PDB file of N, CA and C in Angstrom:
ATOM      1  N   MET A   1      15.930   8.218 -10.772  1.00  0.00           N
ATOM      2  CA  MET A   1      14.750   8.862 -10.234  1.00  0.00           C
ATOM      3  C   MET A   1      14.934  10.368 -10.348  1.00  0.00           C
ATOM      4  N   GLN A   2      13.966  11.024 -10.929  1.00  0.00           N
ATOM      5  CA  GLN A   2      14.006  12.470 -11.048  1.00  0.00           C
ATOM      6  C   GLN A   2      13.298  13.079  -9.844  1.00  0.00           C
ATOM      7  N   THR A   3      13.969  13.995  -9.179  1.00  0.00           N
ATOM      8  CA  THR A   3      13.343  14.651  -8.044  1.00  0.00           C
ATOM      9  C   THR A   3      13.499  16.150  -8.164  1.00  0.00           C
ATOM     10  N   ASN A   4      12.676  16.849  -7.443  1.00  0.00           N
ATOM     11  CA  ASN A   4      12.719  18.292  -7.383  1.00  0.00           C
ATOM     12  C   ASN A   4      12.434  18.660  -5.939  1.00  0.00           C
ATOM     13  N   ASN A   5      13.473  19.065  -5.202  1.00  0.00           N
ATOM     14  CA  ASN A   5      13.317  19.355  -3.776  1.00  0.00           C
ATOM     15  C   ASN A   5      12.710  18.165  -3.047  1.00  0.00           C
ATOM     16  N   HIS A   6      13.216  16.980  -3.345  1.00  0.00           N
ATOM     17  CA  HIS A   6      12.786  15.737  -2.716  1.00  0.00           C
ATOM     18  C   HIS A   6      11.369  15.332  -3.081  1.00  0.00           C
ATOM     19  N   GLN A   7      10.855  15.851  -4.184  1.00  0.00           N
ATOM     20  CA  GLN A   7       9.540  15.463  -4.662  1.00  0.00           C
ATOM     21  C   GLN A   7       9.716  14.694  -5.972  1.00  0.00           C
ATOM     22  N   ILE A   8       9.099  13.550  -6.050  1.00  0.00           N
ATOM     23  CA  ILE A   8       9.188  12.744  -7.259  1.00  0.00           C
ATOM     24  C   ILE A   8       8.359  13.411  -8.343  1.00  0.00           C
ATOM     25  N   VAL A   9       8.924  13.528  -9.543  1.00  0.00           N
ATOM     26  CA  VAL A   9       8.203  14.171 -10.634  1.00  0.00           C
ATOM     27  C   VAL A   9       7.890  13.219 -11.776  1.00  0.00           C
ATOM     28  N   ASP A  10       8.469  12.011 -11.761  1.00  0.00           N
ATOM     29  CA  ASP A  10       8.219  11.062 -12.841  1.00  0.00           C
ATOM     30  C   ASP A  10       7.972   9.673 -12.267  1.00  0.00           C
ATOM     31  N   TYR A  11       6.722   9.425 -11.856  1.00  0.00           N
ATOM     32  CA  TYR A  11       6.373   8.155 -11.234  1.00  0.00           C
ATOM     33  C   TYR A  11       6.455   7.002 -12.218  1.00  0.00           C
ATOM     34  N   SER A  12       6.094   7.235 -13.474  1.00  0.00           N
ATOM     35  CA  SER A  12       6.062   6.141 -14.440  1.00  0.00           C
ATOM     36  C   SER A  12       7.440   5.517 -14.631  1.00  0.00           C
ATOM     37  N   SER A  13       8.485   6.324 -14.664  1.00  0.00           N
ATOM     38  CA  SER A  13       9.828   5.758 -14.843  1.00  0.00           C
ATOM     39  C   SER A  13      10.255   4.965 -13.608  1.00  0.00           C
ATOM     40  N   ILE A  14       9.831   5.401 -12.437  1.00  0.00           N
ATOM     41  CA  ILE A  14      10.168   4.680 -11.204  1.00  0.00           C
ATOM     42  C   ILE A  14       9.466   3.331 -11.192  1.00  0.00           C
ATOM     43  N   LEU A  15       8.170   3.339 -11.524  1.00  0.00           N
ATOM     44  CA  LEU A  15       7.424   2.083 -11.565  1.00  0.00           C
ATOM     45  C   LEU A  15       7.987   1.151 -12.627  1.00  0.00           C
ATOM     46  N   GLU A  16       8.363   1.700 -13.768  1.00  0.00           N
ATOM     47  CA  GLU A  16       8.912   0.888 -14.854  1.00  0.00           C
ATOM     48  C   GLU A  16      10.217   0.219 -14.433  1.00  0.00           C
ATOM     49  N   LYS A  17      11.072   0.963 -13.746  1.00  0.00           N
ATOM     50  CA  LYS A  17      12.350   0.401 -13.295  1.00  0.00           C
ATOM     51  C   LYS A  17      12.142  -0.720 -12.286  1.00  0.00           C
ATOM     52  N   LYS A  18      11.185  -0.526 -11.399  1.00  0.00           N
ATOM     53  CA  LYS A  18      10.992  -1.487 -10.318  1.00  0.00           C
ATOM     54  C   LYS A  18      10.098  -2.665 -10.705  1.00  0.00           C
ATOM     55  N   TYR A  19       9.045  -2.395 -11.506  1.00  0.00           N
ATOM     56  CA  TYR A  19       8.041  -3.431 -11.786  1.00  0.00           C
ATOM     57  C   TYR A  19       7.890  -3.773 -13.265  1.00  0.00           C
ATOM     58  N   GLY A  20       8.653  -3.165 -14.121  1.00  0.00           N
ATOM     59  CA  GLY A  20       8.573  -3.460 -15.547  1.00  0.00           C
ATOM     60  C   GLY A  20       7.624  -2.516 -16.269  1.00  0.00           C
ATOM     61  N   LYS A  21       7.668  -2.618 -17.580  1.00  0.00           N
ATOM     62  CA  LYS A  21       6.835  -1.753 -18.417  1.00  0.00           C
ATOM     63  C   LYS A  21       5.381  -2.168 -18.338  1.00  0.00           C
ATOM     64  N   GLU A  22       4.483  -1.207 -18.618  1.00  0.00           N
ATOM     65  CA  GLU A  22       3.060  -1.516 -18.678  1.00  0.00           C
ATOM     66  C   GLU A  22       2.850  -2.607 -19.716  1.00  0.00           C
ATOM     67  N   GLY A  23       1.989  -3.560 -19.378  1.00  0.00           N
ATOM     68  CA  GLY A  23       1.719  -4.670 -20.285  1.00  0.00           C
ATOM     69  C   GLY A  23       2.490  -5.932 -19.947  1.00  0.00           C
ATOM     70  N   THR A  24       3.514  -5.810 -19.088  1.00  0.00           N
ATOM     71  CA  THR A  24       4.260  -7.001 -18.686  1.00  0.00           C
ATOM     72  C   THR A  24       3.539  -7.680 -17.526  1.00  0.00           C
ATOM     73  N   ALA A  25       3.822  -8.950 -17.335  1.00  0.00           N
ATOM     74  CA  ALA A  25       3.185  -9.706 -16.254  1.00  0.00           C
ATOM     75  C   ALA A  25       3.546  -9.126 -14.879  1.00  0.00           C
ATOM     76  N   GLU A  26       4.808  -8.707 -14.732  1.00  0.00           N
ATOM     77  CA  GLU A  26       5.245  -8.155 -13.450  1.00  0.00           C
ATOM     78  C   GLU A  26       4.498  -6.865 -13.126  1.00  0.00           C
ATOM     79  N   ARG A  27       4.335  -6.015 -14.128  1.00  0.00           N
ATOM     80  CA  ARG A  27       3.636  -4.745 -13.916  1.00  0.00           C
ATOM     81  C   ARG A  27       2.155  -4.996 -13.643  1.00  0.00           C
ATOM     82  N   ALA A  28       1.561  -5.949 -14.349  1.00  0.00           N
ATOM     83  CA  ALA A  28       0.149  -6.274 -14.135  1.00  0.00           C
ATOM     84  C   ALA A  28      -0.063  -6.760 -12.706  1.00  0.00           C
ATOM     85  N   LYS A  29       0.864  -7.570 -12.208  1.00  0.00           N
ATOM     86  CA  LYS A  29       0.773  -8.068 -10.833  1.00  0.00           C
ATOM     87  C   LYS A  29       0.865  -6.908  -9.844  1.00  0.00           C
ATOM     88  N   PHE A  30       1.815  -6.006 -10.081  1.00  0.00           N
ATOM     89  CA  PHE A  30       1.948  -4.838  -9.214  1.00  0.00           C
ATOM     90  C   PHE A  30       0.677  -3.993  -9.238  1.00  0.00           C
ATOM     91  N   ASP A  31       0.158  -3.722 -10.428  1.00  0.00           N
ATOM     92  CA  ASP A  31      -1.053  -2.907 -10.556  1.00  0.00           C
ATOM     93  C   ASP A  31      -2.221  -3.536  -9.809  1.00  0.00           C
ATOM     94  N   GLU A  32      -2.376  -4.853  -9.937  1.00  0.00           N
ATOM     95  CA  GLU A  32      -3.466  -5.545  -9.251  1.00  0.00           C
ATOM     96  C   GLU A  32      -3.323  -5.428  -7.741  1.00  0.00           C
ATOM     97  N   GLU A  33      -2.113  -5.603  -7.238  1.00  0.00           N
ATOM     98  CA  GLU A  33      -1.871  -5.487  -5.801  1.00  0.00           C
ATOM     99  C   GLU A  33      -2.076  -4.048  -5.325  1.00  0.00           C
ATOM    100  N   ALA A  34      -1.689  -3.088  -6.141  1.00  0.00           N
ATOM    101  CA  ALA A  34      -1.869  -1.681  -5.774  1.00  0.00           C
ATOM    102  C   ALA A  34      -3.353  -1.331  -5.698  1.00  0.00           C
ATOM    103  N   TYR A  35      -4.139  -1.802  -6.672  1.00  0.00           N
ATOM    104  CA  TYR A  35      -5.575  -1.546  -6.645  1.00  0.00           C
ATOM    105  C   TYR A  35      -6.230  -2.231  -5.447  1.00  0.00           C
ATOM    106  N   ALA A  36      -5.777  -3.427  -5.117  1.00  0.00           N
ATOM    107  CA  ALA A  36      -6.325  -4.138  -3.957  1.00  0.00           C
ATOM    108  C   ALA A  36      -6.038  -3.350  -2.683  1.00  0.00           C
ATOM    109  N   PHE A  37      -4.821  -2.842  -2.557  1.00  0.00           N
ATOM    110  CA  PHE A  37      -4.462  -2.056  -1.372  1.00  0.00           C
ATOM    111  C   PHE A  37      -5.290  -0.773  -1.316  1.00  0.00           C
ATOM    112  N   TYR A  38      -5.401  -0.092  -2.443  1.00  0.00           N
ATOM    113  CA  TYR A  38      -6.165   1.153  -2.503  1.00  0.00           C
ATOM    114  C   TYR A  38      -7.621   0.910  -2.106  1.00  0.00           C
ATOM    115  N   THR A  39      -8.206  -0.144  -2.647  1.00  0.00           N
ATOM    116  CA  THR A  39      -9.584  -0.495  -2.319  1.00  0.00           C
ATOM    117  C   THR A  39      -9.712  -0.815  -0.836  1.00  0.00           C
ATOM    118  N   SER A  40      -8.753  -1.545  -0.304  1.00  0.00           N
ATOM    119  CA  SER A  40      -8.813  -1.908   1.114  1.00  0.00           C
ATOM    120  C   SER A  40      -8.784  -0.670   2.002  1.00  0.00           C
ATOM    121  N   GLN A  41      -7.992   0.313   1.625  1.00  0.00           N
ATOM    122  CA  GLN A  41      -7.903   1.532   2.424  1.00  0.00           C
ATOM    123  C   GLN A  41      -9.184   2.356   2.341  1.00  0.00           C
ATOM    124  N   ILE A  42      -9.821   2.380   1.174  1.00  0.00           N
ATOM    125  CA  ILE A  42     -11.101   3.079   1.032  1.00  0.00           C
ATOM    126  C   ILE A  42     -12.133   2.441   1.960  1.00  0.00           C
ATOM    127  N   LEU A  43     -12.203   1.106   1.939  1.00  0.00           N
ATOM    128  CA  LEU A  43     -13.180   0.409   2.779  1.00  0.00           C
ATOM    129  C   LEU A  43     -12.875   0.583   4.263  1.00  0.00           C
ATOM    130  N   LEU A  44     -11.613   0.492   4.626  1.00  0.00           N
ATOM    131  CA  LEU A  44     -11.207   0.680   6.026  1.00  0.00           C
ATOM    132  C   LEU A  44     -11.595   2.072   6.512  1.00  0.00           C
ATOM    133  N   ASP A  45     -11.258   3.089   5.737  1.00  0.00           N
ATOM    134  CA  ASP A  45     -11.575   4.463   6.115  1.00  0.00           C
ATOM    135  C   ASP A  45     -13.089   4.672   6.214  1.00  0.00           C
ATOM    136  N   ALA A  46     -13.833   4.101   5.271  1.00  0.00           N
ATOM    137  CA  ALA A  46     -15.297   4.249   5.278  1.00  0.00           C
ATOM    138  C   ALA A  46     -15.905   3.566   6.498  1.00  0.00           C
ATOM    139  N   ARG A  47     -15.394   2.387   6.845  1.00  0.00           N
ATOM    140  CA  ARG A  47     -15.916   1.679   8.017  1.00  0.00           C
ATOM    141  C   ARG A  47     -15.649   2.478   9.289  1.00  0.00           C
ATOM    142  N   LYS A  48     -14.444   3.012   9.410  1.00  0.00           N
ATOM    143  CA  LYS A  48     -14.119   3.805  10.598  1.00  0.00           C
ATOM    144  C   LYS A  48     -14.947   5.081  10.647  1.00  0.00           C
ATOM    145  N   GLU A  49     -15.153   5.710   9.499  1.00  0.00           N
ATOM    146  CA  GLU A  49     -15.967   6.925   9.449  1.00  0.00           C
ATOM    147  C   GLU A  49     -17.412   6.624   9.860  1.00  0.00           C
ATOM    148  N   ALA A  50     -17.884   5.419   9.511  1.00  0.00           N
ATOM    149  CA  ALA A  50     -19.238   5.003   9.899  1.00  0.00           C
ATOM    150  C   ALA A  50     -19.295   4.563  11.356  1.00  0.00           C
ATOM    151  N   LYS A  51     -18.142   4.584  12.037  1.00  0.00           N
ATOM    152  CA  LYS A  51     -18.037   4.170  13.441  1.00  0.00           C
ATOM    153  C   LYS A  51     -18.583   2.758  13.641  1.00  0.00           C
ATOM    154  N   MET A  52     -18.125   1.882  12.756  1.00  0.00           N
ATOM    155  CA  MET A  52     -18.577   0.492  12.758  1.00  0.00           C
ATOM    156  C   MET A  52     -17.360  -0.414  12.973  1.00  0.00           C
ATOM    157  N   THR A  53     -17.523  -1.440  13.766  1.00  0.00           N
ATOM    158  CA  THR A  53     -16.436  -2.401  13.958  1.00  0.00           C
ATOM    159  C   THR A  53     -16.425  -3.395  12.800  1.00  0.00           C
ATOM    160  N   GLN A  54     -15.330  -4.110  12.688  1.00  0.00           N
ATOM    161  CA  GLN A  54     -15.261  -5.174  11.686  1.00  0.00           C
ATOM    162  C   GLN A  54     -16.344  -6.213  11.940  1.00  0.00           C
ATOM    163  N   SER A  55     -16.575  -6.522  13.199  1.00  0.00           N
ATOM    164  CA  SER A  55     -17.598  -7.507  13.557  1.00  0.00           C
ATOM    165  C   SER A  55     -18.992  -7.044  13.138  1.00  0.00           C
ATOM    166  N   GLU A  56     -19.286  -5.776  13.368  1.00  0.00           N
ATOM    167  CA  GLU A  56     -20.597  -5.245  12.984  1.00  0.00           C
ATOM    168  C   GLU A  56     -20.789  -5.284  11.474  1.00  0.00           C
ATOM    169  N   LEU A  57     -19.762  -4.879  10.737  1.00  0.00           N
ATOM    170  CA  LEU A  57     -19.847  -4.915   9.280  1.00  0.00           C
ATOM    171  C   LEU A  57     -20.009  -6.343   8.783  1.00  0.00           C
ATOM    172  N   ALA A  58     -19.228  -7.240   9.349  1.00  0.00           N
ATOM    173  CA  ALA A  58     -19.308  -8.653   8.953  1.00  0.00           C
ATOM    174  C   ALA A  58     -20.717  -9.202   9.168  1.00  0.00           C
ATOM    175  N   LYS A  59     -21.302  -8.873  10.303  1.00  0.00           N
ATOM    176  CA  LYS A  59     -22.652  -9.350  10.615  1.00  0.00           C
ATOM    177  C   LYS A  59     -23.673  -8.794   9.612  1.00  0.00           C
ATOM    178  N   ARG A  60     -23.519  -7.530   9.258  1.00  0.00           N
ATOM    179  CA  ARG A  60     -24.458  -6.893   8.327  1.00  0.00           C
ATOM    180  C   ARG A  60     -24.430  -7.533   6.936  1.00  0.00           C
ATOM    181  N   ILE A  61     -23.263  -8.032   6.524  1.00  0.00           N
ATOM    182  CA  ILE A  61     -23.194  -8.603   5.172  1.00  0.00           C
ATOM    183  C   ILE A  61     -23.035 -10.126   5.192  1.00  0.00           C
ATOM    184  N   ASN A  62     -23.163 -10.697   6.389  1.00  0.00           N
ATOM    185  CA  ASN A  62     -23.163 -12.150   6.553  1.00  0.00           C
ATOM    186  C   ASN A  62     -21.843 -12.812   6.128  1.00  0.00           C
ATOM    187  N   VAL A  63     -20.744 -12.254   6.637  1.00  0.00           N
ATOM    188  CA  VAL A  63     -19.423 -12.865   6.461  1.00  0.00           C
ATOM    189  C   VAL A  63     -18.741 -12.867   7.824  1.00  0.00           C
ATOM    190  N   THR A  64     -17.533 -13.386   7.904  1.00  0.00           N
ATOM    191  CA  THR A  64     -16.810 -13.405   9.172  1.00  0.00           C
ATOM    192  C   THR A  64     -16.000 -12.126   9.366  1.00  0.00           C
ATOM    193  N   LYS A  65     -15.703 -11.833  10.619  1.00  0.00           N
ATOM    194  CA  LYS A  65     -14.845 -10.697  10.938  1.00  0.00           C
ATOM    195  C   LYS A  65     -13.479 -10.886  10.282  1.00  0.00           C
ATOM    196  N   SER A  66     -12.997 -12.108  10.266  1.00  0.00           N
ATOM    197  CA  SER A  66     -11.714 -12.420   9.653  1.00  0.00           C
ATOM    198  C   SER A  66     -11.699 -12.050   8.167  1.00  0.00           C
ATOM    199  N   TYR A  67     -12.817 -12.286   7.493  1.00  0.00           N
ATOM    200  CA  TYR A  67     -12.918 -11.953   6.067  1.00  0.00           C
ATOM    201  C   TYR A  67     -12.794 -10.443   5.873  1.00  0.00           C
ATOM    202  N   ILE A  68     -13.478  -9.664   6.705  1.00  0.00           N
ATOM    203  CA  ILE A  68     -13.383  -8.200   6.635  1.00  0.00           C
ATOM    204  C   ILE A  68     -11.952  -7.757   6.909  1.00  0.00           C
ATOM    205  N   SER A  69     -11.327  -8.357   7.891  1.00  0.00           N
ATOM    206  CA  SER A  69      -9.944  -8.026   8.225  1.00  0.00           C
ATOM    207  C   SER A  69      -9.008  -8.284   7.053  1.00  0.00           C
ATOM    208  N   ARG A  70      -9.176  -9.416   6.396  1.00  0.00           N
ATOM    209  CA  ARG A  70      -8.313  -9.738   5.255  1.00  0.00           C
ATOM    210  C   ARG A  70      -8.532  -8.777   4.090  1.00  0.00           C
ATOM    211  N   ILE A  71      -9.761  -8.332   3.901  1.00  0.00           N
ATOM    212  CA  ILE A  71     -10.039  -7.334   2.864  1.00  0.00           C
ATOM    213  C   ILE A  71      -9.332  -6.031   3.208  1.00  0.00           C
ATOM    214  N   GLU A  72      -9.479  -5.585   4.453  1.00  0.00           N
ATOM    215  CA  GLU A  72      -8.893  -4.319   4.880  1.00  0.00           C
ATOM    216  C   GLU A  72      -7.370  -4.335   4.866  1.00  0.00           C
ATOM    217  N   LYS A  73      -6.779  -5.495   4.997  1.00  0.00           N
ATOM    218  CA  LYS A  73      -5.325  -5.617   4.929  1.00  0.00           C
ATOM    219  C   LYS A  73      -4.833  -5.758   3.498  1.00  0.00           C
ATOM    220  N   GLY A  74      -5.762  -5.889   2.558  1.00  0.00           N
ATOM    221  CA  GLY A  74      -5.384  -6.046   1.160  1.00  0.00           C
ATOM    222  C   GLY A  74      -4.920  -7.442   0.823  1.00  0.00           C
ATOM    223  N   VAL A  75      -5.167  -8.389   1.717  1.00  0.00           N
ATOM    224  CA  VAL A  75      -4.754  -9.773   1.501  1.00  0.00           C
ATOM    225  C   VAL A  75      -5.633 -10.429   0.436  1.00  0.00           C
ATOM    226  N   ILE A  76      -6.913 -10.091   0.469  1.00  0.00           N
ATOM    227  CA  ILE A  76      -7.847 -10.610  -0.527  1.00  0.00           C
ATOM    228  C   ILE A  76      -8.643  -9.450  -1.106  1.00  0.00           C
ATOM    229  N   THR A  77      -9.155  -9.663  -2.293  1.00  0.00           N
ATOM    230  CA  THR A  77     -10.009  -8.678  -2.947  1.00  0.00           C
ATOM    231  C   THR A  77     -11.414  -9.258  -2.994  1.00  0.00           C
ATOM    232  N   PRO A  78     -12.389  -8.532  -2.475  1.00  0.00           N
ATOM    233  CA  PRO A  78     -13.749  -9.078  -2.487  1.00  0.00           C
ATOM    234  C   PRO A  78     -14.301  -9.137  -3.907  1.00  0.00           C
ATOM    235  N   SER A  79     -15.259 -10.021  -4.101  1.00  0.00           N
ATOM    236  CA  SER A  79     -15.944 -10.059  -5.390  1.00  0.00           C
ATOM    237  C   SER A  79     -16.696  -8.745  -5.566  1.00  0.00           C
ATOM    238  N   VAL A  80     -17.119  -8.472  -6.768  1.00  0.00           N
ATOM    239  CA  VAL A  80     -17.888  -7.256  -7.024  1.00  0.00           C
ATOM    240  C   VAL A  80     -19.162  -7.258  -6.190  1.00  0.00           C
ATOM    241  N   ALA A  81     -19.832  -8.401  -6.107  1.00  0.00           N
ATOM    242  CA  ALA A  81     -21.069  -8.496  -5.324  1.00  0.00           C
ATOM    243  C   ALA A  81     -20.808  -8.186  -3.855  1.00  0.00           C
ATOM    244  N   THR A  82     -19.750  -8.725  -3.299  1.00  0.00           N
ATOM    245  CA  THR A  82     -19.420  -8.473  -1.894  1.00  0.00           C
ATOM    246  C   THR A  82     -19.021  -7.018  -1.693  1.00  0.00           C
ATOM    247  N   PHE A  83     -18.288  -6.474  -2.632  1.00  0.00           N
ATOM    248  CA  PHE A  83     -17.896  -5.068  -2.559  1.00  0.00           C
ATOM    249  C   PHE A  83     -19.138  -4.182  -2.480  1.00  0.00           C
ATOM    250  N   TYR A  84     -20.127  -4.454  -3.340  1.00  0.00           N
ATOM    251  CA  TYR A  84     -21.365  -3.679  -3.316  1.00  0.00           C
ATOM    252  C   TYR A  84     -22.112  -3.857  -1.993  1.00  0.00           C
ATOM    253  N   ARG A  85     -22.111  -5.066  -1.443  1.00  0.00           N
ATOM    254  CA  ARG A  85     -22.770  -5.291  -0.150  1.00  0.00           C
ATOM    255  C   ARG A  85     -22.084  -4.485   0.951  1.00  0.00           C
ATOM    256  N   ILE A  86     -20.761  -4.446   0.917  1.00  0.00           N
ATOM    257  CA  ILE A  86     -20.008  -3.668   1.911  1.00  0.00           C
ATOM    258  C   ILE A  86     -20.336  -2.186   1.762  1.00  0.00           C
ATOM    259  N   ILE A  87     -20.283  -1.698   0.547  1.00  0.00           N
ATOM    260  CA  ILE A  87     -20.575  -0.289   0.287  1.00  0.00           C
ATOM    261  C   ILE A  87     -21.968   0.077   0.804  1.00  0.00           C
ATOM    262  N   ASN A  88     -22.945  -0.755   0.482  1.00  0.00           N
ATOM    263  CA  ASN A  88     -24.320  -0.501   0.945  1.00  0.00           C
ATOM    264  C   ASN A  88     -24.414  -0.529   2.465  1.00  0.00           C
ATOM    265  N   ALA A  89     -23.758  -1.496   3.100  1.00  0.00           N
ATOM    266  CA  ALA A  89     -23.791  -1.617   4.559  1.00  0.00           C
ATOM    267  C   ALA A  89     -23.169  -0.402   5.233  1.00  0.00           C
ATOM    268  N   LEU A  90     -22.231   0.243   4.545  1.00  0.00           N
ATOM    269  CA  LEU A  90     -21.572   1.432   5.095  1.00  0.00           C
ATOM    270  C   LEU A  90     -22.314   2.718   4.750  1.00  0.00           C
ATOM    271  N   GLY A  91     -23.454   2.578   4.063  1.00  0.00           N
ATOM    272  CA  GLY A  91     -24.245   3.761   3.716  1.00  0.00           C
ATOM    273  C   GLY A  91     -23.653   4.570   2.586  1.00  0.00           C
ATOM    274  N   MET A  92     -22.876   3.917   1.749  1.00  0.00           N
ATOM    275  CA  MET A  92     -22.245   4.592   0.619  1.00  0.00           C
ATOM    276  C   MET A  92     -22.907   4.132  -0.678  1.00  0.00           C
ATOM    277  N   ARG A  93     -22.511   4.734  -1.768  1.00  0.00           N
ATOM    278  CA  ARG A  93     -22.989   4.311  -3.070  1.00  0.00           C
ATOM    279  C   ARG A  93     -21.864   4.439  -4.077  1.00  0.00           C
ATOM    280  N   ILE A  94     -22.015   3.716  -5.158  1.00  0.00           N
ATOM    281  CA  ILE A  94     -21.041   3.766  -6.247  1.00  0.00           C
ATOM    282  C   ILE A  94     -21.751   4.368  -7.442  1.00  0.00           C
ATOM    283  N   GLU A  95     -21.059   5.260  -8.102  1.00  0.00           N
ATOM    284  CA  GLU A  95     -21.613   5.886  -9.285  1.00  0.00           C
ATOM    285  C   GLU A  95     -20.728   5.533 -10.476  1.00  0.00           C
ATOM    286  N   VAL A  96     -21.330   4.937 -11.475  1.00  0.00           N
ATOM    287  CA  VAL A  96     -20.594   4.576 -12.682  1.00  0.00           C
ATOM    288  C   VAL A  96     -20.981   5.572 -13.763  1.00  0.00           C
ATOM    289  N   VAL A  97     -19.992   6.269 -14.287  1.00  0.00           N
ATOM    290  CA  VAL A  97     -20.260   7.282 -15.301  1.00  0.00           C
ATOM    291  C   VAL A  97     -19.328   7.084 -16.493  1.00  0.00           C
ATOM    292  N   LYS A  98     -19.778   7.502 -17.638  1.00  0.00           N
ATOM    293  CA  LYS A  98     -18.942   7.476 -18.834  1.00  0.00           C
ATOM    294  C   LYS A  98     -18.060   8.720 -18.818  1.00  0.00           C
ATOM    295  N   PRO A  99     -16.805   8.566 -19.202  1.00  0.00           N
ATOM    296  CA  PRO A  99     -15.929   9.752 -19.244  1.00  0.00           C
ATOM    297  C   PRO A  99     -16.324  10.668 -20.411  1.00  0.00           C
ATOM    298  N   ASN A 100     -16.085  11.936 -20.235  1.00  0.00           N
ATOM    299  CA  ASN A 100     -16.319  12.887 -21.324  1.00  0.00           C
ATOM    300  C   ASN A 100     -15.165  12.802 -22.296  1.00  0.00           C
ATOM    301  N   LEU A 101     -15.474  12.438 -23.514  1.00  0.00           N
ATOM    302  CA  LEU A 101     -14.413  12.326 -24.525  1.00  0.00           C
ATOM    303  C   LEU A 101     -14.558  13.387 -25.570  1.00  0.00           C
TER     304      LEU A 101
END
């Protein structure tokens, strides 16, 4: 691990050592779990910012509180349709744009 004053400067080599090279099954599994966790934290933060309980959000999108809890813990990843329903219920929007190449 390369560090500079206790700051990591090469994340890719650390991930490669621990989870394998990009394109391997182990790395793909790690990436999927990382994205699920990241998504769960975005939704959790947005729900709290909206001052909404898990129960209130669940009621708005017609799911159980337990389902919202599992999403926020990163245990499950919602379908795209459910993700959009959650985003809408929280008063947010998603913008899909093409990158400038």
